[in-house]
Structure formats: structure tokens, C-alpha cells
Amino acid sequence: MDWVANPEVWISLVTLTVLEIVLGIDNVIFISILAGRLGGKEAERARVVGLSLAMGMRVLLLLGISWIVRLTTPLFSVFGHELSGRDLILLGGGLFLLGKATFEIHHKLEGDDHDDAGDRAGATFTRVIIQILLLDLVFSLDSVITAVGMADRVGVMIAAVVIAVGVMLWSSGPVMRFVGKHPTVKMLALAFLLLIGMSLVAEGAEFHIPKGYIYFAMGFAVLVEALNLRMKRNRQSRTPPVEFHERRMPEFAAASDSSDASDASDADDSSAADSEASG
């Protein structure tokens, strides 16, 4: 129990927990989009099951650290680039994420989502869970490899993963409802998945992209979208201005009416005279 009084352990736990939460943002976005296609209680159940599977997979991978270490051993080389088991998993996951996000964007742009009942009938609970499980493997592998590189104790890693998934479970519900309520936010989330998919493919091909750049781009896009939503809300809540008409006094109104009547009679007399002259 000497680790309880060791400040390095607690610093490592806090740092790793924060990092796991940040790395889990893409997982939350993907699960929110997939679970949102089910609707109702099934969407909530898919969200909880998906994140629970993510936690279980991370813990199992941490318990098999020796296998994780072997995954980074090069298996073969292509065009001078050595590829390991981890690289192949990242490549496969990135390509799957690119394909899934592209399909969802096409689905939205073509307007195929006008029939929600048809969408929910095609998106069964089992199919959604299988897709979540496949991407959980990719995201969990990336998360666990990061954890192994930052901490020495397996217990600290597991505790950080459990805390991070707990925070993700707490935040994923509001995220899923918010994404489902705002179509533009959902399109932005799908664009994030394209960005993450490209980064996974690049990582698998040994082209390292600093995650800080990716998260900065995502944060900037979220800030712009938040400003757009605020502007839209202000525009909807703003009432149209009241138009005021000039009020005329009764005597001026009567005089104006009489002058209009005399002008009309003069016009009639002149038109009658013109017709007699022509006749």
C-alpha cells in the first residue's frame, strides 16, 4: 500500500485520466451517431452497452500488456515501410471509419433520412453494437498504447480507464441528444469522424500527425458552430419591429378627401369632353 502515499502515482493517475477522456472524445461522437439511429430506449441502451464494451476491452488489453508490446513488432514491410499488427489494426479501423462517415454524410445530403421509421428498421440493435465493437477495438488499442507509455503500474492504468469511461458515460447522453437535435452539429461530428479516420490511416502508415493539431482543429470548429447556433437562436427569439403609421387630424383628412373627390370629377368631365370632340 506504499503507492497511496506516493505522489507520483496520483499525478500519473490524474494525468492519464485526463488524457484518456480526451482520447475518448472521438469514441463518444461515434457511439452517439450510431446509437442515435435507433431512437428511444434502444439508443440509450446501445450507448451504455457500447461504452461498457469500450471499458471492458481497454481493461482486457491492459491485462495483456505483453501482447500489446508484441503488436508493435514489425511483421513485414511495404515500399520500405515496416508494418506491425498495431499498424494493420489502425489502417483497418481508419478505413472503416472513413467509409462509415462518408456513407452517413451521403445519407444526410441526399435527404434519405426523411423516413425515420425506415432508418430505425434498418439499424438494428445488434448491427449497431457490432459496429461500435469494431471501432471500440481501434480506439481502445490507441488508448491503451498511450497508457502503457505513460504509466508503469497496471492498477493505475485500469483506474484511469474506469474513471475516464465513467465520465464518458455521464457525458455521452447529453452529447447524443444534442447531436440528434441539431442537424448541423451532426454533420460537423461526421466531419470529425472523417478527420479521425484519416489520422488513423496516417498513423497506421507510419505518418505521425500530432494529436494536438487534430484536437485544436476540432475545438476551433466547435467554437464556430457554437457561435452559429447562438446567432440562430438570437435571430429566432428576436420579434419583428412594429411599424407606426402617421396619424392625420380629422379636418385635414376631410379636406384631403374632398380634394381627391374634386380631382376625380374634373378628370371625368375632361374625359367626357374628349369623347364628344372625337365623335
C-alpha atoms as a PDB file:
ATOM      1  CA  MET A   1       0.000   0.000   0.000  1.00  0.00           C
ATOM      2  CA  ASP A   2       3.003   2.298  -0.282  1.00  0.00           C
ATOM      3  CA  TRP A   3       1.569   3.631  -3.541  1.00  0.00           C
ATOM      4  CA  VAL A   4      -1.160   5.509  -1.597  1.00  0.00           C
ATOM      5  CA  ALA A   5       1.421   7.895  -0.132  1.00  0.00           C
ATOM      6  CA  ASN A   6       3.361   8.162  -3.385  1.00  0.00           C
ATOM      7  CA  PRO A   7       2.566  11.498  -5.110  1.00  0.00           C
ATOM      8  CA  GLU A   8       3.964  10.246  -8.418  1.00  0.00           C
ATOM      9  CA  VAL A   9       1.223   7.610  -8.566  1.00  0.00           C
ATOM     10  CA  TRP A  10      -1.535  10.186  -8.062  1.00  0.00           C
ATOM     11  CA  ILE A  11      -0.011  12.587 -10.576  1.00  0.00           C
ATOM     12  CA  SER A  12       0.218   9.746 -13.074  1.00  0.00           C
ATOM     13  CA  LEU A  13      -3.419   8.753 -12.368  1.00  0.00           C
ATOM     14  CA  VAL A  14      -4.776  12.283 -12.866  1.00  0.00           C
ATOM     15  CA  THR A  15      -2.703  12.907 -15.993  1.00  0.00           C
ATOM     16  CA  LEU A  16      -3.610   9.580 -17.538  1.00  0.00           C
ATOM     17  CA  THR A  17      -7.315  10.005 -16.692  1.00  0.00           C
ATOM     18  CA  VAL A  18      -7.452  13.410 -18.398  1.00  0.00           C
ATOM     19  CA  LEU A  19      -5.636  12.020 -21.421  1.00  0.00           C
ATOM     20  CA  GLU A  20      -7.995   9.029 -21.619  1.00  0.00           C
ATOM     21  CA  ILE A  21     -11.004  11.369 -21.519  1.00  0.00           C
ATOM     22  CA  VAL A  22      -9.560  13.480 -24.338  1.00  0.00           C
ATOM     23  CA  LEU A  23      -8.750  10.384 -26.395  1.00  0.00           C
ATOM     24  CA  GLY A  24     -12.298   9.117 -25.767  1.00  0.00           C
ATOM     25  CA  ILE A  25     -13.990  12.133 -27.385  1.00  0.00           C
ATOM     26  CA  ASP A  26     -13.954  10.530 -30.823  1.00  0.00           C
ATOM     27  CA  ASN A  27     -15.369   7.321 -29.336  1.00  0.00           C
ATOM     28  CA  VAL A  28     -18.249   9.249 -27.738  1.00  0.00           C
ATOM     29  CA  ILE A  29     -19.029  11.037 -31.021  1.00  0.00           C
ATOM     30  CA  PHE A  30     -19.087   7.793 -32.993  1.00  0.00           C
ATOM     31  CA  ILE A  31     -21.269   5.980 -30.451  1.00  0.00           C
ATOM     32  CA  SER A  32     -23.656   8.958 -30.259  1.00  0.00           C
ATOM     33  CA  ILE A  33     -24.175   8.964 -34.027  1.00  0.00           C
ATOM     34  CA  LEU A  34     -24.677   5.206 -34.292  1.00  0.00           C
ATOM     35  CA  ALA A  35     -26.922   4.916 -31.244  1.00  0.00           C
ATOM     36  CA  GLY A  36     -28.972   7.908 -32.396  1.00  0.00           C
ATOM     37  CA  ARG A  37     -30.209   5.878 -35.378  1.00  0.00           C
ATOM     38  CA  LEU A  38     -32.067   3.532 -33.052  1.00  0.00           C
ATOM     39  CA  GLY A  39     -34.112   6.066 -31.122  1.00  0.00           C
ATOM     40  CA  GLY A  40     -35.902   5.760 -27.801  1.00  0.00           C
ATOM     41  CA  LYS A  41     -34.764   3.371 -25.097  1.00  0.00           C
ATOM     42  CA  GLU A  42     -32.723   1.273 -27.531  1.00  0.00           C
ATOM     43  CA  ALA A  43     -30.495   4.280 -28.240  1.00  0.00           C
ATOM     44  CA  GLU A  44     -29.811   4.720 -24.522  1.00  0.00           C
ATOM     45  CA  ARG A  45     -29.153   1.005 -24.149  1.00  0.00           C
ATOM     46  CA  ALA A  46     -26.776   0.969 -27.134  1.00  0.00           C
ATOM     47  CA  ARG A  47     -24.906   3.942 -25.690  1.00  0.00           C
ATOM     48  CA  VAL A  48     -24.416   2.272 -22.298  1.00  0.00           C
ATOM     49  CA  VAL A  49     -23.532  -1.114 -23.811  1.00  0.00           C
ATOM     50  CA  GLY A  50     -21.095   0.464 -26.286  1.00  0.00           C
ATOM     51  CA  LEU A  51     -19.181   2.398 -23.639  1.00  0.00           C
ATOM     52  CA  SER A  52     -19.225  -0.575 -21.262  1.00  0.00           C
ATOM     53  CA  LEU A  53     -17.703  -2.710 -24.012  1.00  0.00           C
ATOM     54  CA  ALA A  54     -15.091   0.008 -24.553  1.00  0.00           C
ATOM     55  CA  MET A  55     -14.147  -0.101 -20.875  1.00  0.00           C
ATOM     56  CA  GLY A  56     -14.033  -3.901 -20.802  1.00  0.00           C
ATOM     57  CA  MET A  57     -11.888  -4.021 -23.923  1.00  0.00           C
ATOM     58  CA  ARG A  58      -9.446  -1.467 -22.528  1.00  0.00           C
ATOM     59  CA  VAL A  59      -9.096  -3.391 -19.256  1.00  0.00           C
ATOM     60  CA  LEU A  60      -8.530  -6.684 -21.096  1.00  0.00           C
ATOM     61  CA  LEU A  61      -5.905  -5.073 -23.306  1.00  0.00           C
ATOM     62  CA  LEU A  62      -4.157  -3.625 -20.255  1.00  0.00           C
ATOM     63  CA  LEU A  63      -4.091  -7.045 -18.622  1.00  0.00           C
ATOM     64  CA  GLY A  64      -2.450  -8.390 -21.777  1.00  0.00           C
ATOM     65  CA  ILE A  65       0.367  -5.854 -21.909  1.00  0.00           C
ATOM     66  CA  SER A  66       2.817  -8.447 -23.227  1.00  0.00           C
ATOM     67  CA  TRP A  67       0.525  -8.985 -26.223  1.00  0.00           C
ATOM     68  CA  ILE A  68       0.257  -5.221 -26.732  1.00  0.00           C
ATOM     69  CA  VAL A  69       4.053  -4.948 -26.775  1.00  0.00           C
ATOM     70  CA  ARG A  70       4.256  -7.701 -29.396  1.00  0.00           C
ATOM     71  CA  LEU A  71       1.757  -5.795 -31.559  1.00  0.00           C
ATOM     72  CA  THR A  72       4.354  -3.087 -32.134  1.00  0.00           C
ATOM     73  CA  THR A  73       6.855  -5.613 -33.532  1.00  0.00           C
ATOM     74  CA  PRO A  74       7.196  -5.212 -37.338  1.00  0.00           C
ATOM     75  CA  LEU A  75       5.619  -8.056 -39.317  1.00  0.00           C
ATOM     76  CA  PHE A  76       6.548  -7.109 -42.886  1.00  0.00           C
ATOM     77  CA  SER A  77       7.430  -4.056 -44.946  1.00  0.00           C
ATOM     78  CA  VAL A  78       5.659  -2.376 -47.873  1.00  0.00           C
ATOM     79  CA  PHE A  79       7.600   0.103 -50.032  1.00  0.00           C
ATOM     80  CA  GLY A  80      10.201   0.405 -47.314  1.00  0.00           C
ATOM     81  CA  HIS A  81       7.655   0.980 -44.515  1.00  0.00           C
ATOM     82  CA  GLU A  82       7.549  -1.648 -41.787  1.00  0.00           C
ATOM     83  CA  LEU A  83       4.029  -2.592 -40.684  1.00  0.00           C
ATOM     84  CA  SER A  84       3.130  -4.147 -37.335  1.00  0.00           C
ATOM     85  CA  GLY A  85      -0.075  -5.656 -36.007  1.00  0.00           C
ATOM     86  CA  ARG A  86      -0.977  -2.310 -34.458  1.00  0.00           C
ATOM     87  CA  ASP A  87      -0.482  -0.578 -37.809  1.00  0.00           C
ATOM     88  CA  LEU A  88      -2.789  -3.047 -39.552  1.00  0.00           C
ATOM     89  CA  ILE A  89      -5.498  -2.561 -36.922  1.00  0.00           C
ATOM     90  CA  LEU A  90      -5.231   1.224 -37.205  1.00  0.00           C
ATOM     91  CA  LEU A  91      -5.347   1.048 -41.005  1.00  0.00           C
ATOM     92  CA  GLY A  92      -8.417  -1.192 -40.962  1.00  0.00           C
ATOM     93  CA  GLY A  93     -10.180   0.922 -38.355  1.00  0.00           C
ATOM     94  CA  GLY A  94      -9.375   4.170 -40.137  1.00  0.00           C
ATOM     95  CA  LEU A  95     -10.683   2.874 -43.464  1.00  0.00           C
ATOM     96  CA  PHE A  96     -13.846   1.596 -41.779  1.00  0.00           C
ATOM     97  CA  LEU A  97     -14.358   4.967 -40.101  1.00  0.00           C
ATOM     98  CA  LEU A  98     -13.839   6.821 -43.389  1.00  0.00           C
ATOM     99  CA  GLY A  99     -16.339   4.578 -45.154  1.00  0.00           C
ATOM    100  CA  LYS A 100     -18.926   4.834 -42.393  1.00  0.00           C
ATOM    101  CA  ALA A 101     -18.668   8.624 -42.099  1.00  0.00           C
ATOM    102  CA  THR A 102     -18.837   9.048 -45.890  1.00  0.00           C
ATOM    103  CA  PHE A 103     -21.962   6.865 -46.051  1.00  0.00           C
ATOM    104  CA  GLU A 104     -23.634   8.851 -43.263  1.00  0.00           C
ATOM    105  CA  ILE A 105     -22.797  12.198 -44.910  1.00  0.00           C
ATOM    106  CA  HIS A 106     -24.179  10.964 -48.245  1.00  0.00           C
ATOM    107  CA  HIS A 107     -27.257   9.719 -46.397  1.00  0.00           C
ATOM    108  CA  LYS A 108     -27.863  13.205 -44.982  1.00  0.00           C
ATOM    109  CA  LEU A 109     -27.080  15.180 -48.139  1.00  0.00           C
ATOM    110  CA  GLU A 110     -29.367  13.077 -50.319  1.00  0.00           C
ATOM    111  CA  GLY A 111     -32.242  13.577 -47.891  1.00  0.00           C
ATOM    112  CA  ASP A 112     -32.764   9.853 -47.374  1.00  0.00           C
ATOM    113  CA  ASP A 113     -33.460  10.397 -43.684  1.00  0.00           C
ATOM    114  CA  HIS A 114     -36.987  11.775 -44.209  1.00  0.00           C
ATOM    115  CA  ASP A 115     -38.385   8.421 -43.208  1.00  0.00           C
ATOM    116  CA  ASP A 116     -37.191   7.883 -39.632  1.00  0.00           C
ATOM    117  CA  ALA A 117     -39.142   4.657 -39.316  1.00  0.00           C
ATOM    118  CA  GLY A 118     -37.279   3.160 -42.274  1.00  0.00           C
ATOM    119  CA  ASP A 119     -33.943   4.254 -40.843  1.00  0.00           C
ATOM    120  CA  ARG A 120     -34.665   2.690 -37.471  1.00  0.00           C
ATOM    121  CA  ALA A 121     -35.896  -0.509 -39.047  1.00  0.00           C
ATOM    122  CA  GLY A 122     -32.632  -0.833 -40.991  1.00  0.00           C
ATOM    123  CA  ALA A 123     -30.476  -0.033 -37.960  1.00  0.00           C
ATOM    124  CA  THR A 124     -30.990  -2.992 -35.659  1.00  0.00           C
ATOM    125  CA  PHE A 125     -29.591  -3.072 -32.151  1.00  0.00           C
ATOM    126  CA  THR A 126     -27.254  -5.983 -32.932  1.00  0.00           C
ATOM    127  CA  ARG A 127     -25.865  -4.315 -36.052  1.00  0.00           C
ATOM    128  CA  VAL A 128     -25.181  -1.074 -34.200  1.00  0.00           C
ATOM    129  CA  ILE A 129     -23.440  -2.913 -31.338  1.00  0.00           C
ATOM    130  CA  ILE A 130     -21.230  -4.834 -33.796  1.00  0.00           C
ATOM    131  CA  GLN A 131     -20.139  -1.590 -35.459  1.00  0.00           C
ATOM    132  CA  ILE A 132     -19.487   0.010 -32.067  1.00  0.00           C
ATOM    133  CA  LEU A 133     -17.471  -3.053 -31.013  1.00  0.00           C
ATOM    134  CA  LEU A 134     -15.266  -2.875 -34.115  1.00  0.00           C
ATOM    135  CA  LEU A 135     -14.411   0.770 -33.553  1.00  0.00           C
ATOM    136  CA  ASP A 136     -14.022   0.225 -29.807  1.00  0.00           C
ATOM    137  CA  LEU A 137     -11.175  -2.145 -30.635  1.00  0.00           C
ATOM    138  CA  VAL A 138      -9.364   0.536 -32.645  1.00  0.00           C
ATOM    139  CA  PHE A 139      -9.926   3.356 -30.165  1.00  0.00           C
ATOM    140  CA  SER A 140      -9.111   1.091 -27.212  1.00  0.00           C
ATOM    141  CA  LEU A 141      -5.855  -0.039 -28.791  1.00  0.00           C
ATOM    142  CA  ASP A 142      -4.736   3.546 -29.350  1.00  0.00           C
ATOM    143  CA  SER A 143      -5.774   4.495 -25.817  1.00  0.00           C
ATOM    144  CA  VAL A 144      -4.060   1.531 -24.164  1.00  0.00           C
ATOM    145  CA  ILE A 145      -0.794   2.026 -26.036  1.00  0.00           C
ATOM    146  CA  THR A 146      -0.800   5.636 -24.821  1.00  0.00           C
ATOM    147  CA  ALA A 147      -1.472   4.466 -21.264  1.00  0.00           C
ATOM    148  CA  VAL A 148       1.339   1.907 -21.375  1.00  0.00           C
ATOM    149  CA  GLY A 149       3.753   4.616 -22.473  1.00  0.00           C
ATOM    150  CA  MET A 150       2.764   6.976 -19.645  1.00  0.00           C
ATOM    151  CA  ALA A 151       2.400   4.754 -16.569  1.00  0.00           C
ATOM    152  CA  ASP A 152       4.260   1.835 -15.018  1.00  0.00           C
ATOM    153  CA  ARG A 153       1.562   0.316 -12.799  1.00  0.00           C
ATOM    154  CA  VAL A 154      -1.261  -1.706 -14.338  1.00  0.00           C
ATOM    155  CA  GLY A 155      -3.556  -0.732 -11.458  1.00  0.00           C
ATOM    156  CA  VAL A 156      -3.078   2.964 -12.230  1.00  0.00           C
ATOM    157  CA  MET A 157      -3.845   2.351 -15.893  1.00  0.00           C
ATOM    158  CA  ILE A 158      -7.017   0.383 -15.119  1.00  0.00           C
ATOM    159  CA  ALA A 159      -8.192   3.007 -12.606  1.00  0.00           C
ATOM    160  CA  ALA A 160      -7.650   5.787 -15.157  1.00  0.00           C
ATOM    161  CA  VAL A 161      -9.581   3.859 -17.812  1.00  0.00           C
ATOM    162  CA  VAL A 162     -12.515   3.148 -15.463  1.00  0.00           C
ATOM    163  CA  ILE A 163     -12.727   6.799 -14.361  1.00  0.00           C
ATOM    164  CA  ALA A 164     -12.471   8.046 -17.946  1.00  0.00           C
ATOM    165  CA  VAL A 165     -15.218   5.706 -19.185  1.00  0.00           C
ATOM    166  CA  GLY A 166     -17.394   6.774 -16.243  1.00  0.00           C
ATOM    167  CA  VAL A 167     -17.030  10.410 -17.329  1.00  0.00           C
ATOM    168  CA  MET A 168     -17.785   9.387 -20.919  1.00  0.00           C
ATOM    169  CA  LEU A 169     -20.932   7.548 -19.795  1.00  0.00           C
ATOM    170  CA  TRP A 170     -22.086  10.622 -17.912  1.00  0.00           C
ATOM    171  CA  SER A 171     -21.432  12.998 -20.820  1.00  0.00           C
ATOM    172  CA  SER A 172     -22.442  10.813 -23.779  1.00  0.00           C
ATOM    173  CA  GLY A 173     -26.180  11.087 -23.046  1.00  0.00           C
ATOM    174  CA  PRO A 174     -26.338  14.890 -23.376  1.00  0.00           C
ATOM    175  CA  VAL A 175     -23.956  14.701 -26.344  1.00  0.00           C
ATOM    176  CA  MET A 176     -26.197  12.188 -28.139  1.00  0.00           C
ATOM    177  CA  ARG A 177     -29.346  14.252 -27.525  1.00  0.00           C
ATOM    178  CA  PHE A 178     -27.631  17.473 -28.598  1.00  0.00           C
ATOM    179  CA  VAL A 179     -26.259  15.924 -31.799  1.00  0.00           C
ATOM    180  CA  GLY A 180     -29.668  14.460 -32.647  1.00  0.00           C
ATOM    181  CA  LYS A 181     -31.409  17.792 -32.057  1.00  0.00           C
ATOM    182  CA  HIS A 182     -29.117  19.889 -34.273  1.00  0.00           C
ATOM    183  CA  PRO A 183     -28.520  18.538 -37.827  1.00  0.00           C
ATOM    184  CA  THR A 184     -25.601  20.904 -38.433  1.00  0.00           C
ATOM    185  CA  VAL A 185     -23.848  19.607 -35.326  1.00  0.00           C
ATOM    186  CA  LYS A 186     -24.327  16.044 -36.558  1.00  0.00           C
ATOM    187  CA  MET A 187     -22.752  16.962 -39.899  1.00  0.00           C
ATOM    188  CA  LEU A 188     -19.846  18.537 -38.015  1.00  0.00           C
ATOM    189  CA  ALA A 189     -19.464  15.366 -35.933  1.00  0.00           C
ATOM    190  CA  LEU A 190     -19.371  13.282 -39.131  1.00  0.00           C
ATOM    191  CA  ALA A 191     -16.661  15.588 -40.463  1.00  0.00           C
ATOM    192  CA  PHE A 192     -14.747  14.942 -37.231  1.00  0.00           C
ATOM    193  CA  LEU A 193     -15.016  11.202 -37.887  1.00  0.00           C
ATOM    194  CA  LEU A 194     -13.537  11.732 -41.361  1.00  0.00           C
ATOM    195  CA  LEU A 195     -10.677  13.668 -39.784  1.00  0.00           C
ATOM    196  CA  ILE A 196     -10.099  10.972 -37.165  1.00  0.00           C
ATOM    197  CA  GLY A 197     -10.289   8.234 -39.809  1.00  0.00           C
ATOM    198  CA  MET A 198      -7.634   9.975 -41.885  1.00  0.00           C
ATOM    199  CA  SER A 199      -5.406  10.355 -38.823  1.00  0.00           C
ATOM    200  CA  LEU A 200      -5.771   6.628 -38.039  1.00  0.00           C
ATOM    201  CA  VAL A 201      -4.866   5.675 -41.610  1.00  0.00           C
ATOM    202  CA  ALA A 202      -1.863   8.014 -41.498  1.00  0.00           C
ATOM    203  CA  GLU A 203      -0.817   6.584 -38.123  1.00  0.00           C
ATOM    204  CA  GLY A 204      -1.086   3.045 -39.472  1.00  0.00           C
ATOM    205  CA  ALA A 205       1.051   4.042 -42.465  1.00  0.00           C
ATOM    206  CA  GLU A 206       3.746   5.410 -40.109  1.00  0.00           C
ATOM    207  CA  PHE A 207       2.930   9.068 -40.848  1.00  0.00           C
ATOM    208  CA  HIS A 208       2.565  10.549 -37.396  1.00  0.00           C
ATOM    209  CA  ILE A 209       0.194  13.518 -37.071  1.00  0.00           C
ATOM    210  CA  PRO A 210       0.401  15.273 -33.677  1.00  0.00           C
ATOM    211  CA  LYS A 211      -2.949  14.842 -31.955  1.00  0.00           C
ATOM    212  CA  GLY A 212      -2.730  18.401 -30.674  1.00  0.00           C
ATOM    213  CA  TYR A 213      -3.257  19.672 -34.223  1.00  0.00           C
ATOM    214  CA  ILE A 214      -6.314  17.465 -34.681  1.00  0.00           C
ATOM    215  CA  TYR A 215      -7.902  18.424 -31.372  1.00  0.00           C
ATOM    216  CA  PHE A 216      -7.181  22.114 -31.994  1.00  0.00           C
ATOM    217  CA  ALA A 217      -8.947  21.925 -35.369  1.00  0.00           C
ATOM    218  CA  MET A 218     -11.898  20.139 -33.768  1.00  0.00           C
ATOM    219  CA  GLY A 219     -12.074  22.662 -30.934  1.00  0.00           C
ATOM    220  CA  PHE A 220     -11.966  25.611 -33.339  1.00  0.00           C
ATOM    221  CA  ALA A 221     -14.753  24.088 -35.454  1.00  0.00           C
ATOM    222  CA  VAL A 222     -16.864  23.521 -32.329  1.00  0.00           C
ATOM    223  CA  LEU A 223     -16.355  27.167 -31.325  1.00  0.00           C
ATOM    224  CA  VAL A 224     -17.504  28.397 -34.755  1.00  0.00           C
ATOM    225  CA  GLU A 225     -20.547  26.100 -34.679  1.00  0.00           C
ATOM    226  CA  ALA A 226     -21.423  27.331 -31.177  1.00  0.00           C
ATOM    227  CA  LEU A 227     -21.370  30.912 -32.462  1.00  0.00           C
ATOM    228  CA  ASN A 228     -23.609  29.922 -35.383  1.00  0.00           C
ATOM    229  CA  LEU A 229     -26.104  28.247 -33.045  1.00  0.00           C
ATOM    230  CA  ARG A 230     -26.094  31.295 -30.773  1.00  0.00           C
ATOM    231  CA  MET A 231     -26.729  33.609 -33.718  1.00  0.00           C
ATOM    232  CA  LYS A 232     -29.561  31.379 -34.959  1.00  0.00           C
ATOM    233  CA  ARG A 233     -31.156  31.322 -31.500  1.00  0.00           C
ATOM    234  CA  ASN A 234     -30.958  35.112 -31.222  1.00  0.00           C
ATOM    235  CA  ARG A 235     -32.495  35.530 -34.663  1.00  0.00           C
ATOM    236  CA  GLN A 236     -35.409  33.247 -33.817  1.00  0.00           C
ATOM    237  CA  SER A 237     -36.094  34.949 -30.489  1.00  0.00           C
ATOM    238  CA  ARG A 238     -35.996  38.445 -31.955  1.00  0.00           C
ATOM    239  CA  THR A 239     -39.551  39.855 -32.545  1.00  0.00           C
ATOM    240  CA  PRO A 240     -40.248  41.820 -35.756  1.00  0.00           C
ATOM    241  CA  PRO A 241     -40.312  45.616 -35.330  1.00  0.00           C
ATOM    242  CA  VAL A 242     -43.710  47.342 -35.061  1.00  0.00           C
ATOM    243  CA  GLU A 243     -44.495  49.693 -37.948  1.00  0.00           C
ATOM    244  CA  PHE A 244     -46.050  53.032 -36.950  1.00  0.00           C
ATOM    245  CA  HIS A 245     -48.283  54.986 -39.364  1.00  0.00           C
ATOM    246  CA  GLU A 246     -48.634  58.759 -39.251  1.00  0.00           C
ATOM    247  CA  ARG A 247     -51.954  59.817 -37.784  1.00  0.00           C
ATOM    248  CA  ARG A 248     -53.840  62.544 -39.649  1.00  0.00           C
ATOM    249  CA  MET A 249     -56.089  65.135 -37.984  1.00  0.00           C
ATOM    250  CA  PRO A 250     -59.826  64.873 -38.863  1.00  0.00           C
ATOM    251  CA  GLU A 251     -60.111  68.301 -40.577  1.00  0.00           C
ATOM    252  CA  PHE A 252     -57.048  67.642 -42.743  1.00  0.00           C
ATOM    253  CA  ALA A 253     -58.345  64.192 -43.568  1.00  0.00           C
ATOM    254  CA  ALA A 254     -61.741  65.639 -44.645  1.00  0.00           C
ATOM    255  CA  ALA A 255     -60.100  68.333 -46.747  1.00  0.00           C
ATOM    256  CA  SER A 256     -57.881  65.748 -48.387  1.00  0.00           C
ATOM    257  CA  ASP A 257     -60.870  63.541 -49.182  1.00  0.00           C
ATOM    258  CA  SER A 258     -62.830  66.472 -50.733  1.00  0.00           C
ATOM    259  CA  SER A 259     -59.853  67.500 -52.855  1.00  0.00           C
ATOM    260  CA  ASP A 260     -59.451  63.936 -54.059  1.00  0.00           C
ATOM    261  CA  ALA A 261     -63.157  63.845 -54.970  1.00  0.00           C
ATOM    262  CA  SER A 262     -62.982  67.131 -56.934  1.00  0.00           C
ATOM    263  CA  ASP A 263     -59.909  65.931 -58.795  1.00  0.00           C
ATOM    264  CA  ALA A 264     -61.742  62.758 -59.732  1.00  0.00           C
ATOM    265  CA  SER A 265     -64.824  64.712 -61.032  1.00  0.00           C
ATOM    266  CA  ASP A 266     -62.612  67.037 -63.105  1.00  0.00           C
ATOM    267  CA  ALA A 267     -60.936  64.029 -64.631  1.00  0.00           C
ATOM    268  CA  ASP A 268     -64.342  62.540 -65.562  1.00  0.00           C
ATOM    269  CA  ASP A 269     -65.508  65.839 -67.177  1.00  0.00           C
ATOM    270  CA  SER A 270     -62.357  66.142 -69.255  1.00  0.00           C
ATOM    271  CA  SER A 271     -62.628  62.574 -70.478  1.00  0.00           C
ATOM    272  CA  ALA A 272     -66.291  63.155 -71.469  1.00  0.00           C
ATOM    273  CA  ALA A 273     -65.380  66.317 -73.417  1.00  0.00           C
ATOM    274  CA  ASP A 274     -62.650  64.485 -75.259  1.00  0.00           C
ATOM    275  CA  SER A 275     -65.061  61.750 -76.289  1.00  0.00           C
ATOM    276  CA  GLU A 276     -67.628  64.309 -77.648  1.00  0.00           C
ATOM    277  CA  ALA A 277     -64.916  66.119 -79.632  1.00  0.00           C
ATOM    278  CA  SER A 278     -63.744  62.916 -81.191  1.00  0.00           C
ATOM    279  CA  GLY A 279     -67.345  61.967 -82.044  1.00  0.00           C
END
